[in-house]
Amino acid sequence: GVFNLSGNVAEWARDWYAPDYYASAPAVDPFNGTSTGTHVLRGGGFDDSDNVGRASYRFTSNGTSRLYYAGFRCVRRGE
């Protein structure tokens, strides 16, 4: 349900980060599949402030560093 949208860690997203991508992205299910070298992380970790803990907050990671506040979420798409 709705309570599964935010968790104890920031969520590692499948999208590649591009600062201007969302200006021209589709309104429904935007996905940047073009590699830019850095991935998108969404939301915040257990010790972040309120403004970072929302699902719409996005930042980047190159994937080479360990981040104690980042993880991933396994999901199953609806039928």
N, C-alpha and C. Protein backbone atom coordinates (compact mmCIF):
# COMPACT_ATOMS: atom_id res chain seq x y z
N GLY A 1 0.81 -1.18 0.00
CA GLY A 1 0.00 0.00 0.00
C GLY A 1 0.86 1.25 0.00
N VAL A 2 0.23 2.34 0.34
CA VAL A 2 0.88 3.64 0.32
C VAL A 2 2.05 3.71 1.31
N PHE A 3 2.01 2.92 2.36
CA PHE A 3 3.08 2.97 3.36
C PHE A 3 4.37 2.33 2.87
N ASN A 4 4.33 1.64 1.74
CA ASN A 4 5.53 1.04 1.17
C ASN A 4 6.29 1.98 0.24
N LEU A 5 5.80 3.21 0.07
CA LEU A 5 6.45 4.15 -0.83
C LEU A 5 7.77 4.66 -0.29
N SER A 6 7.86 4.82 1.00
CA SER A 6 9.09 5.32 1.61
C SER A 6 9.55 4.31 2.65
N GLY A 7 10.84 4.14 2.74
CA GLY A 7 11.36 3.16 3.68
C GLY A 7 12.49 3.72 4.51
N ASN A 8 13.34 2.86 4.97
CA ASN A 8 14.45 3.25 5.83
C ASN A 8 15.68 3.70 5.07
N VAL A 9 15.67 3.53 3.76
CA VAL A 9 16.81 3.92 2.94
C VAL A 9 16.33 4.61 1.67
N ALA A 10 17.21 5.37 1.05
CA ALA A 10 16.92 5.94 -0.26
C ALA A 10 16.89 4.79 -1.26
N GLU A 11 16.06 4.89 -2.25
CA GLU A 11 15.86 3.80 -3.21
C GLU A 11 16.72 3.99 -4.46
N TRP A 12 17.53 2.99 -4.78
CA TRP A 12 18.34 2.98 -6.00
C TRP A 12 17.38 2.74 -7.15
N ALA A 13 17.27 3.68 -8.07
CA ALA A 13 16.35 3.56 -9.19
C ALA A 13 17.06 3.04 -10.43
N ARG A 14 16.31 2.51 -11.36
CA ARG A 14 16.84 1.96 -12.60
C ARG A 14 17.24 3.07 -13.57
N ASP A 15 16.68 4.25 -13.39
CA ASP A 15 16.93 5.39 -14.28
C ASP A 15 18.37 5.88 -14.20
N TRP A 16 18.85 6.39 -15.32
CA TRP A 16 20.12 7.11 -15.35
C TRP A 16 19.83 8.58 -15.12
N TYR A 17 20.72 9.28 -14.43
CA TYR A 17 20.49 10.68 -14.10
C TYR A 17 20.89 11.61 -15.24
N ALA A 18 20.02 12.54 -15.55
CA ALA A 18 20.30 13.64 -16.47
C ALA A 18 19.55 14.85 -15.90
N PRO A 19 20.23 15.95 -15.62
CA PRO A 19 19.60 17.08 -14.92
C PRO A 19 18.38 17.66 -15.64
N ASP A 20 18.33 17.55 -16.95
CA ASP A 20 17.21 18.14 -17.70
C ASP A 20 16.23 17.10 -18.24
N TYR A 21 16.35 15.85 -17.84
CA TYR A 21 15.52 14.79 -18.41
C TYR A 21 14.03 15.01 -18.17
N TYR A 22 13.64 15.37 -16.98
CA TYR A 22 12.22 15.47 -16.65
C TYR A 22 11.53 16.65 -17.31
N ALA A 23 12.26 17.59 -17.85
CA ALA A 23 11.65 18.72 -18.56
C ALA A 23 10.98 18.25 -19.85
N SER A 24 11.49 17.17 -20.46
CA SER A 24 10.92 16.67 -21.72
C SER A 24 10.44 15.22 -21.61
N ALA A 25 10.42 14.67 -20.41
CA ALA A 25 10.03 13.27 -20.21
C ALA A 25 8.52 13.10 -20.29
N PRO A 26 8.06 11.88 -20.59
CA PRO A 26 6.62 11.62 -20.56
C PRO A 26 6.06 11.86 -19.16
N ALA A 27 4.81 12.26 -19.09
CA ALA A 27 4.18 12.54 -17.79
C ALA A 27 3.91 11.26 -17.01
N VAL A 28 3.72 10.14 -17.69
CA VAL A 28 3.42 8.87 -17.04
C VAL A 28 4.61 7.93 -17.20
N ASP A 29 5.08 7.38 -16.09
CA ASP A 29 6.19 6.42 -16.06
C ASP A 29 7.44 6.89 -16.82
N PRO A 30 7.98 8.06 -16.49
CA PRO A 30 9.21 8.49 -17.17
C PRO A 30 10.37 7.57 -16.81
N PHE A 31 11.17 7.22 -17.78
CA PHE A 31 12.33 6.36 -17.56
C PHE A 31 13.45 6.78 -18.50
N ASN A 32 14.58 7.14 -17.94
CA ASN A 32 15.74 7.51 -18.74
C ASN A 32 16.64 6.29 -18.87
N GLY A 33 16.60 5.63 -20.02
CA GLY A 33 17.39 4.43 -20.26
C GLY A 33 18.73 4.69 -20.90
N THR A 34 19.05 5.95 -21.14
CA THR A 34 20.32 6.31 -21.76
C THR A 34 21.39 6.49 -20.68
N SER A 35 22.44 5.69 -20.75
CA SER A 35 23.48 5.73 -19.72
C SER A 35 24.17 7.09 -19.67
N THR A 36 24.26 7.62 -18.45
CA THR A 36 24.98 8.87 -18.22
C THR A 36 26.12 8.67 -17.22
N GLY A 37 26.25 7.46 -16.70
CA GLY A 37 27.30 7.17 -15.74
C GLY A 37 26.88 7.30 -14.29
N THR A 38 25.74 7.95 -14.03
CA THR A 38 25.24 8.06 -12.66
C THR A 38 23.77 7.69 -12.61
N HIS A 39 23.41 6.92 -11.59
CA HIS A 39 22.02 6.49 -11.40
C HIS A 39 21.27 7.46 -10.50
N VAL A 40 19.96 7.37 -10.58
CA VAL A 40 19.07 8.16 -9.72
C VAL A 40 18.82 7.40 -8.43
N LEU A 41 18.84 8.09 -7.32
CA LEU A 41 18.35 7.56 -6.05
C LEU A 41 17.16 8.42 -5.64
N ARG A 42 16.11 7.79 -5.10
CA ARG A 42 14.90 8.50 -4.73
C ARG A 42 14.66 8.38 -3.23
N GLY A 43 14.06 9.43 -2.68
CA GLY A 43 13.69 9.41 -1.27
C GLY A 43 14.89 9.64 -0.38
N GLY A 44 14.70 9.35 0.89
CA GLY A 44 15.76 9.58 1.85
C GLY A 44 15.95 8.39 2.76
N GLY A 45 17.00 8.45 3.54
CA GLY A 45 17.30 7.40 4.49
C GLY A 45 16.68 7.66 5.84
N PHE A 46 16.96 6.77 6.76
CA PHE A 46 16.35 6.82 8.09
C PHE A 46 16.75 8.04 8.89
N ASP A 47 17.85 8.68 8.56
CA ASP A 47 18.31 9.83 9.35
C ASP A 47 18.25 11.15 8.59
N ASP A 48 17.51 11.19 7.48
CA ASP A 48 17.40 12.42 6.68
C ASP A 48 16.27 13.31 7.20
N SER A 49 16.30 14.56 6.77
CA SER A 49 15.25 15.50 7.14
C SER A 49 13.98 15.22 6.34
N ASP A 50 12.88 15.84 6.74
CA ASP A 50 11.58 15.60 6.12
C ASP A 50 11.55 15.88 4.63
N ASN A 51 12.19 16.96 4.19
CA ASN A 51 12.13 17.30 2.77
C ASN A 51 12.86 16.30 1.89
N VAL A 52 13.79 15.56 2.43
CA VAL A 52 14.53 14.55 1.67
C VAL A 52 13.79 13.20 1.70
N GLY A 53 12.99 12.97 2.71
CA GLY A 53 12.31 11.69 2.88
C GLY A 53 11.14 11.47 1.94
N ARG A 54 10.80 12.43 1.13
CA ARG A 54 9.66 12.25 0.21
C ARG A 54 10.10 11.50 -1.04
N ALA A 55 9.19 10.75 -1.64
CA ALA A 55 9.52 9.90 -2.80
C ALA A 55 9.94 10.71 -4.02
N SER A 56 9.54 11.96 -4.11
CA SER A 56 9.89 12.77 -5.28
C SER A 56 11.29 13.38 -5.20
N TYR A 57 11.94 13.30 -4.03
CA TYR A 57 13.31 13.81 -3.91
C TYR A 57 14.26 12.88 -4.65
N ARG A 58 15.11 13.44 -5.51
CA ARG A 58 16.04 12.64 -6.30
C ARG A 58 17.45 13.18 -6.19
N PHE A 59 18.43 12.28 -6.15
CA PHE A 59 19.83 12.65 -6.19
C PHE A 59 20.58 11.55 -6.92
N THR A 60 21.89 11.64 -7.03
CA THR A 60 22.63 10.71 -7.89
C THR A 60 23.70 9.93 -7.15
N SER A 61 24.10 8.83 -7.78
CA SER A 61 25.22 8.03 -7.30
C SER A 61 25.85 7.35 -8.50
N ASN A 62 27.16 7.26 -8.50
CA ASN A 62 27.84 6.57 -9.60
C ASN A 62 27.93 5.07 -9.36
N GLY A 63 27.51 4.62 -8.20
CA GLY A 63 27.47 3.19 -7.92
C GLY A 63 28.77 2.59 -7.46
N THR A 64 29.81 3.39 -7.28
CA THR A 64 31.10 2.84 -6.86
C THR A 64 31.34 3.01 -5.36
N SER A 65 30.49 3.77 -4.69
CA SER A 65 30.66 4.02 -3.26
C SER A 65 29.61 3.26 -2.47
N ARG A 66 29.96 2.85 -1.27
CA ARG A 66 28.98 2.27 -0.36
C ARG A 66 28.25 3.42 0.33
N LEU A 67 26.94 3.36 0.30
CA LEU A 67 26.13 4.37 0.95
C LEU A 67 25.25 3.68 1.98
N TYR A 68 25.47 3.95 3.25
CA TYR A 68 24.71 3.27 4.30
C TYR A 68 23.23 3.62 4.27
N TYR A 69 22.88 4.70 3.60
CA TYR A 69 21.49 5.16 3.57
C TYR A 69 20.80 4.83 2.25
N ALA A 70 21.41 4.03 1.38
CA ALA A 70 20.82 3.70 0.08
C ALA A 70 20.63 2.19 -0.04
N GLY A 71 19.57 1.82 -0.73
CA GLY A 71 19.27 0.41 -0.97
C GLY A 71 18.41 0.28 -2.21
N PHE A 72 17.76 -0.85 -2.36
CA PHE A 72 16.86 -1.04 -3.49
C PHE A 72 15.61 -1.73 -3.00
N ARG A 73 14.56 -1.63 -3.79
CA ARG A 73 13.28 -2.20 -3.41
C ARG A 73 12.89 -3.22 -4.50
N CYS A 74 12.59 -4.43 -4.09
CA CYS A 74 12.10 -5.44 -5.03
C CYS A 74 10.60 -5.25 -5.19
N VAL A 75 10.15 -5.16 -6.39
CA VAL A 75 8.72 -4.96 -6.66
C VAL A 75 8.23 -5.94 -7.71
N ARG A 76 6.94 -6.17 -7.68
CA ARG A 76 6.29 -6.96 -8.70
C ARG A 76 5.22 -6.10 -9.32
N ARG A 77 5.27 -5.95 -10.62
CA ARG A 77 4.27 -5.12 -11.30
C ARG A 77 2.91 -5.79 -11.23
N GLY A 78 1.87 -4.97 -11.14
CA GLY A 78 0.51 -5.49 -11.08
C GLY A 78 0.13 -6.28 -12.32
N GLU A 79 -0.82 -7.14 -12.16
CA GLU A 79 -1.24 -7.99 -13.28
C GLU A 79 -2.29 -7.33 -14.12
